[in-house]
Amino acid sequence: MTASVITPMFLLASAAITLSPGPDILYVLAKGISQGRQPALIAAAGFASGLSVHTTMAVVGLSALLMASAVGFTVVKFAGGAYLVYLGIRASMSGGLVSLPASGEPMTGKRIFAQAFAMNILNPKVAVFFLAFLPQFTRRDQGNISIQLLLLGIAFAVVALIIFSLVGVFSATLGAWIRSKPRGLRAFDFVIGSLFIGLGVRLALASNK
């Protein structure tokens, strides 16, 4: 019965939110362009897996604690912001996010997954968002609220995985053309790197209100 909380409106809202510009969709795009379809799909899986952590936090109330604790929120947001800035600087200066790094060796699937997972769980705004977003679609007449939150979180992660995967497939197709133009690839690397730095600074300056 609780599955009825997963309404078309919830799925549509989840898709719109997933498509909004952010480090997650930019990272999947970058991996698809630089390394192809499989690395992009691995990145998509990493981000979707990270959402399971935020779902668990929302269910047990840790997101509320994070939002209420100024110290906890500040520590996590600076860690997440610093990580995004680090990735951005690395991409802009030496490659590795879009184009190949100086070593010429592409990132392994495990490292791509780990980076995507870390980027997701180190973003406290996602945790706070889940706490604010998911409860709006719960219904008291549908049974246990915790189970509803869990199902909604899983549904959101599935939607995100599908959309990120589609972005990955598209970017891999686009990447085949871009990779044939080294100058264009480095220019795109610089653009993506700059966006990551901007997103990292924005996250570090974010309020928990």
Protein backbone atom coordinates (compact mmCIF):
# COMPACT_ATOMS: atom_id res chain seq x y z
CA MET A 1 0.00 0.00 0.00
CA THR A 2 2.85 2.36 0.79
CA ALA A 3 4.07 2.03 -2.80
CA SER A 4 1.19 4.30 -3.85
CA VAL A 5 3.14 7.27 -2.46
CA ILE A 6 5.34 7.02 -5.57
CA THR A 7 3.09 9.14 -7.74
CA PRO A 8 3.64 10.48 -11.27
CA MET A 9 4.08 13.92 -9.69
CA PHE A 10 6.88 12.61 -7.49
CA LEU A 11 8.61 10.94 -10.44
CA LEU A 12 8.30 14.08 -12.56
CA ALA A 13 9.66 16.27 -9.77
CA SER A 14 12.54 13.83 -9.21
CA ALA A 15 13.43 13.90 -12.91
CA ALA A 16 13.37 17.71 -13.02
CA ILE A 17 15.60 17.95 -9.95
CA THR A 18 18.06 15.39 -11.30
CA LEU A 19 18.36 17.30 -14.57
CA SER A 20 19.17 20.58 -12.81
CA PRO A 21 22.82 21.67 -13.26
CA GLY A 22 25.15 20.32 -10.61
CA PRO A 23 28.47 18.50 -10.07
CA ASP A 24 26.84 15.10 -10.48
CA ILE A 25 25.47 15.55 -13.99
CA LEU A 26 28.60 17.49 -15.04
CA TYR A 27 30.82 14.66 -13.83
CA VAL A 28 28.85 12.03 -15.74
CA LEU A 29 29.02 14.24 -18.81
CA ALA A 30 32.78 14.65 -18.42
CA LYS A 31 33.40 10.92 -18.00
CA GLY A 32 31.31 10.10 -21.06
CA ILE A 33 33.17 12.60 -23.20
CA SER A 34 36.63 11.60 -22.01
CA GLN A 35 36.39 7.84 -21.57
CA GLY A 36 33.19 6.67 -23.20
CA ARG A 37 29.95 4.96 -22.25
CA GLN A 38 31.04 2.46 -19.60
CA PRO A 39 32.93 4.95 -17.36
CA ALA A 40 29.96 7.34 -17.61
CA LEU A 41 27.58 4.59 -16.53
CA ILE A 42 29.89 3.71 -13.64
CA ALA A 43 29.83 7.36 -12.55
CA ALA A 44 26.01 7.33 -12.78
CA ALA A 45 25.93 4.24 -10.56
CA GLY A 46 28.26 5.95 -8.07
CA PHE A 47 25.99 8.95 -7.70
CA ALA A 48 22.87 6.78 -7.43
CA SER A 49 24.56 4.68 -4.74
CA GLY A 50 25.43 7.83 -2.82
CA LEU A 51 21.73 8.68 -2.71
CA SER A 52 21.16 5.51 -0.69
CA VAL A 53 23.22 7.07 2.11
CA HIS A 54 21.12 10.23 2.05
CA THR A 55 17.93 8.15 2.02
CA THR A 56 19.11 6.25 5.10
CA MET A 57 20.00 9.50 6.82
CA ALA A 58 16.56 10.93 6.09
CA VAL A 59 14.83 7.79 7.38
CA VAL A 60 16.70 7.70 10.69
CA GLY A 61 16.61 11.48 11.14
CA LEU A 62 20.31 12.20 10.68
CA SER A 63 19.54 14.81 8.04
CA ALA A 64 17.55 16.75 10.61
CA LEU A 65 20.49 16.55 12.98
CA LEU A 66 22.86 17.74 10.27
CA MET A 67 20.61 20.66 9.42
CA ALA A 68 20.24 21.60 13.10
CA SER A 69 23.96 21.31 13.86
CA ALA A 70 25.82 24.33 12.53
CA VAL A 71 29.19 22.70 13.26
CA GLY A 72 28.33 19.41 11.56
CA PHE A 73 26.89 21.12 8.51
CA THR A 74 29.90 23.44 8.23
CA VAL A 75 32.42 20.58 8.45
CA VAL A 76 30.67 18.52 5.77
CA LYS A 77 30.05 21.44 3.41
CA PHE A 78 33.68 22.58 3.57
CA ALA A 79 34.88 19.03 2.96
CA GLY A 80 32.56 18.69 -0.02
CA GLY A 81 33.38 22.15 -1.35
CA ALA A 82 37.11 21.55 -1.04
CA TYR A 83 36.80 18.24 -2.90
CA LEU A 84 34.95 19.88 -5.79
CA VAL A 85 37.49 22.70 -5.97
CA TYR A 86 40.32 20.12 -5.96
CA LEU A 87 38.73 18.24 -8.87
CA GLY A 88 38.14 21.51 -10.72
CA ILE A 89 41.72 22.71 -10.32
CA ARG A 90 43.05 19.33 -11.37
CA ALA A 91 40.89 19.33 -14.48
CA SER A 92 41.78 22.90 -15.42
CA MET A 93 45.51 22.57 -14.84
CA SER A 94 46.52 19.01 -15.68
CA GLY A 95 43.54 17.19 -17.11
CA GLY A 96 42.05 13.99 -15.81
CA LEU A 97 38.40 15.00 -15.51
CA VAL A 98 37.58 15.35 -19.18
CA SER A 99 40.82 14.82 -21.06
CA LEU A 100 43.39 12.21 -20.03
CA PRO A 101 45.73 13.11 -17.17
CA ALA A 102 49.41 13.76 -17.79
CA SER A 103 50.17 10.07 -17.30
CA GLY A 104 47.94 9.24 -20.25
CA GLU A 105 46.22 6.52 -18.20
CA PRO A 106 42.40 6.71 -17.98
CA MET A 107 40.80 6.44 -14.55
CA THR A 108 39.76 2.96 -13.48
CA GLY A 109 36.12 2.08 -12.94
CA LYS A 110 36.66 1.71 -9.18
CA ARG A 111 38.15 5.18 -8.89
CA ILE A 112 35.38 6.75 -10.98
CA PHE A 113 32.74 5.08 -8.80
CA ALA A 114 34.53 6.16 -5.62
CA GLN A 115 34.81 9.77 -6.79
CA ALA A 116 31.14 9.95 -7.76
CA PHE A 117 30.06 8.33 -4.50
CA ALA A 118 32.24 10.69 -2.43
CA MET A 119 31.01 13.78 -4.29
CA ASN A 120 27.43 12.80 -3.50
CA ILE A 121 27.76 11.96 0.19
CA LEU A 122 30.02 14.98 0.87
CA ASN A 123 27.29 17.35 -0.30
CA PRO A 124 25.23 18.27 2.80
CA LYS A 125 22.78 20.19 0.63
CA VAL A 126 21.64 16.84 -0.78
CA ALA A 127 20.99 15.54 2.73
CA VAL A 128 19.04 18.64 3.68
CA PHE A 129 17.18 18.51 0.37
CA PHE A 130 16.11 14.92 0.96
CA LEU A 131 14.78 15.84 4.39
CA ALA A 132 12.75 18.70 2.88
CA PHE A 133 11.67 16.96 -0.35
CA LEU A 134 10.75 13.38 0.50
CA PRO A 135 8.35 14.07 3.42
CA GLN A 136 6.17 16.19 1.12
CA PHE A 137 5.07 13.00 -0.65
CA THR A 138 4.37 10.89 2.44
CA ARG A 139 0.79 10.19 3.54
CA ARG A 140 -0.32 9.24 7.02
CA ASP A 141 -2.99 6.92 5.62
CA GLN A 142 -0.34 4.91 3.74
CA GLY A 143 1.25 3.33 6.78
CA ASN A 144 4.71 3.60 8.31
CA ILE A 145 6.34 6.94 7.44
CA SER A 146 9.87 5.52 7.60
CA ILE A 147 9.01 2.85 5.04
CA GLN A 148 7.44 5.51 2.81
CA LEU A 149 10.59 7.64 3.03
CA LEU A 150 12.70 4.59 2.18
CA LEU A 151 10.58 3.76 -0.88
CA LEU A 152 10.61 7.38 -2.04
CA GLY A 153 14.38 7.54 -1.66
CA ILE A 154 14.84 4.33 -3.64
CA ALA A 155 12.50 5.62 -6.37
CA PHE A 156 14.43 8.91 -6.54
CA ALA A 157 17.72 6.99 -6.86
CA VAL A 158 16.30 4.85 -9.68
CA VAL A 159 15.11 7.96 -11.54
CA ALA A 160 18.53 9.56 -11.04
CA LEU A 161 20.30 6.43 -12.27
CA ILE A 162 18.18 6.31 -15.43
CA ILE A 163 18.69 9.99 -16.22
CA PHE A 164 22.42 9.97 -15.45
CA SER A 165 22.80 6.84 -17.60
CA LEU A 166 21.04 8.53 -20.51
CA VAL A 167 23.32 11.56 -20.09
CA GLY A 168 26.29 9.19 -20.05
CA VAL A 169 25.25 7.49 -23.29
CA PHE A 170 24.67 10.87 -24.95
CA SER A 171 27.99 12.29 -23.75
CA ALA A 172 29.86 9.18 -24.92
CA THR A 173 28.44 9.69 -28.41
CA LEU A 174 29.37 13.37 -28.29
CA GLY A 175 32.79 12.52 -26.90
CA ALA A 176 33.75 10.46 -29.94
CA TRP A 177 33.60 13.68 -31.96
CA ILE A 178 35.17 15.94 -29.32
CA ARG A 179 38.09 13.56 -28.68
CA SER A 180 39.11 13.96 -32.30
CA LYS A 181 39.80 17.63 -31.57
CA PRO A 182 42.45 17.88 -28.80
CA ARG A 183 42.19 21.66 -28.49
CA GLY A 184 38.45 21.48 -28.08
CA LEU A 185 38.84 18.74 -25.48
CA ARG A 186 41.23 20.80 -23.35
CA ALA A 187 38.99 23.85 -23.69
CA PHE A 188 36.05 21.77 -22.50
CA ASP A 189 38.21 20.44 -19.67
CA PHE A 190 38.92 24.02 -18.59
CA VAL A 191 35.23 24.92 -18.72
CA ILE A 192 34.19 21.87 -16.69
CA GLY A 193 37.02 22.49 -14.22
CA SER A 194 35.96 26.10 -13.77
CA LEU A 195 32.36 25.03 -13.18
CA PHE A 196 33.49 22.55 -10.53
CA ILE A 197 35.51 25.25 -8.77
CA GLY A 198 32.48 27.54 -8.84
CA LEU A 199 30.19 24.81 -7.49
CA GLY A 200 32.71 24.00 -4.78
CA VAL A 201 32.91 27.63 -3.65
CA ARG A 202 29.12 27.89 -3.76
CA LEU A 203 28.79 24.79 -1.59
CA ALA A 204 31.37 26.07 0.91
CA LEU A 205 29.40 29.32 1.24
CA ALA A 206 26.03 27.58 1.49
CA SER A 207 23.78 28.12 4.47
CA ASN A 208 21.98 25.31 6.28
CA LYS A 209 18.82 27.43 6.39
